[in-house]
Amino acid sequence: MSTEIFELEGNDRKAYFEHDEDVWIESGDEVVITLYHDIEAATYQIVPEGENAANFPTEEDDYAGVVAWLIEHDYTSKELIAARKGQLGIEACQ
């Protein structure tokens, strides 16, 4: 497995933070989720519209929760599915 980047779209940008009262998403903000499958880590980054992503920090997030959230909201990839199966104790198909 490797690193994957997901750019959240539409209402998912706000839905991702619905339980985090400290985060406010403006219309046009870009929300980027990065999964580091090898070390089971996740980060998110909020980039205001028209700004350079390099100027904004990433924040750590809960890997297991992020994987589950992405799948629940129809973001998918082989690595993401394999990670979720690993969390659930299901043998990954090769």
N, C-alpha and C. Protein backbone atom coordinates (compact mmCIF):
# COMPACT_ATOMS: atom_id res chain seq x y z
N MET A 1 0.84 -1.18 0.00
CA MET A 1 0.00 0.00 0.00
C MET A 1 0.89 1.24 0.00
N SER A 2 0.24 2.36 -0.18
CA SER A 2 1.00 3.58 -0.37
C SER A 2 0.26 4.78 0.23
N THR A 3 0.56 5.91 -0.32
CA THR A 3 -0.11 7.15 0.08
C THR A 3 -1.21 7.46 -0.92
N GLU A 4 -2.35 7.89 -0.42
CA GLU A 4 -3.46 8.28 -1.30
C GLU A 4 -3.95 9.67 -0.90
N ILE A 5 -4.37 10.42 -1.91
CA ILE A 5 -4.90 11.76 -1.67
C ILE A 5 -6.32 11.82 -2.21
N PHE A 6 -7.23 12.33 -1.39
CA PHE A 6 -8.62 12.49 -1.76
C PHE A 6 -8.99 13.97 -1.62
N GLU A 7 -9.54 14.55 -2.67
CA GLU A 7 -10.06 15.91 -2.61
C GLU A 7 -11.57 15.81 -2.42
N LEU A 8 -12.05 16.28 -1.27
CA LEU A 8 -13.48 16.19 -0.99
C LEU A 8 -14.25 17.16 -1.87
N GLU A 9 -15.44 16.72 -2.25
CA GLU A 9 -16.25 17.50 -3.18
C GLU A 9 -17.58 17.89 -2.57
N GLY A 10 -18.13 18.97 -3.06
CA GLY A 10 -19.49 19.40 -2.69
C GLY A 10 -19.71 19.49 -1.19
N ASN A 11 -20.85 18.95 -0.75
CA ASN A 11 -21.23 19.00 0.66
C ASN A 11 -20.33 18.16 1.55
N ASP A 12 -19.55 17.25 0.95
CA ASP A 12 -18.66 16.42 1.75
C ASP A 12 -17.60 17.25 2.47
N ARG A 13 -17.26 18.41 1.92
CA ARG A 13 -16.26 19.25 2.58
C ARG A 13 -16.72 19.68 3.96
N LYS A 14 -17.98 20.02 4.10
CA LYS A 14 -18.52 20.42 5.40
C LYS A 14 -18.90 19.20 6.24
N ALA A 15 -19.42 18.16 5.58
CA ALA A 15 -19.84 16.96 6.30
C ALA A 15 -18.67 16.29 7.02
N TYR A 16 -17.49 16.37 6.43
CA TYR A 16 -16.31 15.77 7.03
C TYR A 16 -16.03 16.35 8.42
N PHE A 17 -16.37 17.59 8.63
CA PHE A 17 -16.09 18.28 9.89
C PHE A 17 -17.34 18.50 10.74
N GLU A 18 -18.44 17.81 10.46
CA GLU A 18 -19.69 18.08 11.15
C GLU A 18 -19.62 17.88 12.66
N HIS A 19 -18.69 17.08 13.15
CA HIS A 19 -18.56 16.87 14.60
C HIS A 19 -17.37 17.63 15.19
N ASP A 20 -16.76 18.47 14.41
CA ASP A 20 -15.61 19.25 14.85
C ASP A 20 -15.98 20.73 14.84
N GLU A 21 -16.39 21.23 15.97
CA GLU A 21 -16.88 22.60 16.08
C GLU A 21 -15.79 23.65 15.88
N ASP A 22 -14.53 23.25 15.95
CA ASP A 22 -13.43 24.19 15.81
C ASP A 22 -13.05 24.47 14.36
N VAL A 23 -13.66 23.75 13.43
CA VAL A 23 -13.31 23.90 12.01
C VAL A 23 -14.47 24.51 11.26
N TRP A 24 -14.19 25.54 10.48
CA TRP A 24 -15.20 26.21 9.67
C TRP A 24 -14.76 26.17 8.22
N ILE A 25 -15.61 25.66 7.35
CA ILE A 25 -15.31 25.56 5.93
C ILE A 25 -16.11 26.63 5.19
N GLU A 26 -15.42 27.43 4.42
CA GLU A 26 -16.06 28.44 3.59
C GLU A 26 -16.37 27.87 2.20
N SER A 27 -17.35 28.43 1.55
CA SER A 27 -17.67 28.03 0.18
C SER A 27 -16.43 28.24 -0.68
N GLY A 28 -16.04 27.24 -1.42
CA GLY A 28 -14.87 27.34 -2.29
C GLY A 28 -13.59 26.80 -1.68
N ASP A 29 -13.59 26.56 -0.35
CA ASP A 29 -12.41 25.97 0.27
C ASP A 29 -12.18 24.57 -0.28
N GLU A 30 -10.92 24.22 -0.42
CA GLU A 30 -10.55 22.87 -0.83
C GLU A 30 -10.18 22.09 0.42
N VAL A 31 -10.69 20.86 0.53
CA VAL A 31 -10.35 19.98 1.64
C VAL A 31 -9.66 18.76 1.05
N VAL A 32 -8.43 18.54 1.48
CA VAL A 32 -7.62 17.45 0.96
C VAL A 32 -7.31 16.48 2.10
N ILE A 33 -7.64 15.22 1.89
CA ILE A 33 -7.37 14.16 2.85
C ILE A 33 -6.24 13.31 2.30
N THR A 34 -5.22 13.07 3.12
CA THR A 34 -4.12 12.21 2.71
C THR A 34 -4.06 11.02 3.65
N LEU A 35 -4.03 9.82 3.07
CA LEU A 35 -3.90 8.59 3.84
C LEU A 35 -2.52 8.01 3.61
N TYR A 36 -1.85 7.67 4.69
CA TYR A 36 -0.54 7.02 4.64
C TYR A 36 -0.77 5.59 5.12
N HIS A 37 -1.09 4.71 4.17
CA HIS A 37 -1.50 3.35 4.52
C HIS A 37 -0.39 2.56 5.22
N ASP A 38 0.84 2.75 4.83
CA ASP A 38 1.94 1.97 5.40
C ASP A 38 2.10 2.20 6.90
N ILE A 39 1.80 3.41 7.36
CA ILE A 39 1.95 3.71 8.78
C ILE A 39 0.60 3.98 9.45
N GLU A 40 -0.47 3.74 8.73
CA GLU A 40 -1.84 3.93 9.22
C GLU A 40 -2.02 5.30 9.86
N ALA A 41 -1.77 6.32 9.04
CA ALA A 41 -1.92 7.71 9.48
C ALA A 41 -2.75 8.46 8.46
N ALA A 42 -3.36 9.54 8.92
CA ALA A 42 -4.18 10.37 8.03
C ALA A 42 -4.00 11.84 8.41
N THR A 43 -4.07 12.69 7.39
CA THR A 43 -4.05 14.13 7.61
C THR A 43 -5.12 14.77 6.75
N TYR A 44 -5.51 15.97 7.15
CA TYR A 44 -6.38 16.78 6.30
C TYR A 44 -5.77 18.16 6.17
N GLN A 45 -6.16 18.83 5.11
CA GLN A 45 -5.67 20.19 4.85
C GLN A 45 -6.82 20.99 4.28
N ILE A 46 -7.01 22.19 4.80
CA ILE A 46 -8.02 23.10 4.28
C ILE A 46 -7.28 24.22 3.58
N VAL A 47 -7.62 24.40 2.30
CA VAL A 47 -6.95 25.42 1.49
C VAL A 47 -8.02 26.38 0.98
N PRO A 48 -7.96 27.64 1.39
CA PRO A 48 -8.94 28.62 0.89
C PRO A 48 -8.85 28.76 -0.63
N GLU A 49 -9.99 29.05 -1.22
CA GLU A 49 -10.09 29.19 -2.67
C GLU A 49 -9.03 30.16 -3.20
N GLY A 50 -8.32 29.74 -4.23
CA GLY A 50 -7.33 30.58 -4.89
C GLY A 50 -5.98 30.64 -4.20
N GLU A 51 -5.82 29.93 -3.10
CA GLU A 51 -4.56 29.96 -2.35
C GLU A 51 -3.68 28.76 -2.71
N ASN A 52 -2.40 28.88 -2.40
CA ASN A 52 -1.43 27.82 -2.65
C ASN A 52 -1.45 26.86 -1.46
N ALA A 53 -1.66 25.58 -1.72
CA ALA A 53 -1.73 24.58 -0.65
C ALA A 53 -0.45 24.53 0.18
N ALA A 54 0.67 24.87 -0.41
CA ALA A 54 1.95 24.83 0.32
C ALA A 54 1.98 25.83 1.47
N ASN A 55 1.09 26.80 1.47
CA ASN A 55 1.07 27.82 2.52
C ASN A 55 0.17 27.46 3.70
N PHE A 56 -0.43 26.27 3.70
CA PHE A 56 -1.37 25.89 4.75
C PHE A 56 -0.97 24.56 5.36
N PRO A 57 -1.04 24.47 6.68
CA PRO A 57 -0.58 23.24 7.36
C PRO A 57 -1.56 22.09 7.18
N THR A 58 -1.03 20.89 7.37
CA THR A 58 -1.88 19.71 7.45
C THR A 58 -2.12 19.42 8.93
N GLU A 59 -3.24 18.81 9.20
CA GLU A 59 -3.60 18.43 10.57
C GLU A 59 -3.77 16.92 10.63
N GLU A 60 -3.29 16.31 11.69
CA GLU A 60 -3.45 14.87 11.85
C GLU A 60 -4.91 14.53 12.12
N ASP A 61 -5.29 13.34 11.68
CA ASP A 61 -6.65 12.86 11.91
C ASP A 61 -6.59 11.37 12.22
N ASP A 62 -7.70 10.81 12.63
CA ASP A 62 -7.79 9.40 13.00
C ASP A 62 -7.89 8.53 11.75
N TYR A 63 -6.87 7.73 11.51
CA TYR A 63 -6.79 6.91 10.29
C TYR A 63 -8.02 6.01 10.14
N ALA A 64 -8.36 5.25 11.15
CA ALA A 64 -9.48 4.32 11.05
C ALA A 64 -10.79 5.06 10.78
N GLY A 65 -10.99 6.16 11.46
CA GLY A 65 -12.20 6.95 11.25
C GLY A 65 -12.28 7.55 9.86
N VAL A 66 -11.15 8.01 9.36
CA VAL A 66 -11.11 8.61 8.02
C VAL A 66 -11.39 7.56 6.95
N VAL A 67 -10.77 6.39 7.08
CA VAL A 67 -11.01 5.31 6.12
C VAL A 67 -12.49 4.96 6.09
N ALA A 68 -13.09 4.78 7.26
CA ALA A 68 -14.52 4.44 7.32
C ALA A 68 -15.37 5.56 6.73
N TRP A 69 -15.04 6.81 7.05
CA TRP A 69 -15.82 7.95 6.53
C TRP A 69 -15.75 8.01 5.01
N LEU A 70 -14.57 7.85 4.46
CA LEU A 70 -14.41 7.93 3.00
C LEU A 70 -15.23 6.85 2.30
N ILE A 71 -15.19 5.64 2.82
CA ILE A 71 -15.96 4.55 2.21
C ILE A 71 -17.45 4.83 2.35
N GLU A 72 -17.87 5.27 3.51
CA GLU A 72 -19.29 5.59 3.74
C GLU A 72 -19.79 6.66 2.78
N HIS A 73 -18.91 7.56 2.37
CA HIS A 73 -19.29 8.65 1.47
C HIS A 73 -18.88 8.38 0.03
N ASP A 74 -18.71 7.11 -0.31
CA ASP A 74 -18.51 6.65 -1.69
C ASP A 74 -17.18 7.05 -2.33
N TYR A 75 -16.17 7.33 -1.52
CA TYR A 75 -14.81 7.48 -2.05
C TYR A 75 -14.20 6.09 -1.97
N THR A 76 -13.55 5.65 -3.04
CA THR A 76 -13.05 4.29 -3.02
C THR A 76 -11.79 4.12 -3.85
N SER A 77 -11.05 3.10 -3.49
CA SER A 77 -9.87 2.66 -4.22
C SER A 77 -9.51 1.28 -3.67
N LYS A 78 -8.65 0.57 -4.36
CA LYS A 78 -8.22 -0.74 -3.87
C LYS A 78 -7.55 -0.63 -2.51
N GLU A 79 -6.70 0.38 -2.34
CA GLU A 79 -5.99 0.55 -1.09
C GLU A 79 -6.94 0.88 0.06
N LEU A 80 -7.92 1.71 -0.21
CA LEU A 80 -8.89 2.10 0.80
C LEU A 80 -9.71 0.89 1.26
N ILE A 81 -10.18 0.10 0.31
CA ILE A 81 -10.96 -1.10 0.63
C ILE A 81 -10.10 -2.08 1.42
N ALA A 82 -8.85 -2.27 1.01
CA ALA A 82 -7.95 -3.18 1.72
C ALA A 82 -7.71 -2.70 3.15
N ALA A 83 -7.56 -1.40 3.33
CA ALA A 83 -7.36 -0.85 4.67
C ALA A 83 -8.58 -1.13 5.55
N ARG A 84 -9.76 -0.91 5.00
CA ARG A 84 -11.00 -1.14 5.77
C ARG A 84 -11.15 -2.62 6.12
N LYS A 85 -10.85 -3.51 5.15
CA LYS A 85 -10.93 -4.94 5.44
C LYS A 85 -9.95 -5.31 6.54
N GLY A 86 -8.77 -4.71 6.52
CA GLY A 86 -7.79 -4.97 7.57
C GLY A 86 -8.30 -4.52 8.93
N GLN A 87 -8.98 -3.40 8.98
CA GLN A 87 -9.54 -2.91 10.24
C GLN A 87 -10.62 -3.85 10.78
N LEU A 88 -11.36 -4.43 9.86
CA LEU A 88 -12.46 -5.31 10.25
C LEU A 88 -12.02 -6.75 10.44
N GLY A 89 -10.73 -7.03 10.17
CA GLY A 89 -10.22 -8.40 10.31
C GLY A 89 -10.61 -9.30 9.17
N ILE A 90 -10.93 -8.73 8.03
CA ILE A 90 -11.29 -9.51 6.85
C ILE A 90 -10.05 -9.62 5.98
N GLU A 91 -9.74 -10.83 5.55
CA GLU A 91 -8.56 -11.04 4.71
C GLU A 91 -8.73 -10.31 3.38
N ALA A 92 -7.75 -9.50 3.01
CA ALA A 92 -7.79 -8.76 1.76
C ALA A 92 -7.57 -9.71 0.59
N CYS A 93 -8.34 -9.50 -0.45
CA CYS A 93 -8.20 -10.29 -1.66
C CYS A 93 -7.05 -9.75 -2.48
N GLN A 94 -6.26 -10.59 -3.02
CA GLN A 94 -5.12 -10.18 -3.85
C GLN A 94 -5.51 -10.19 -5.30
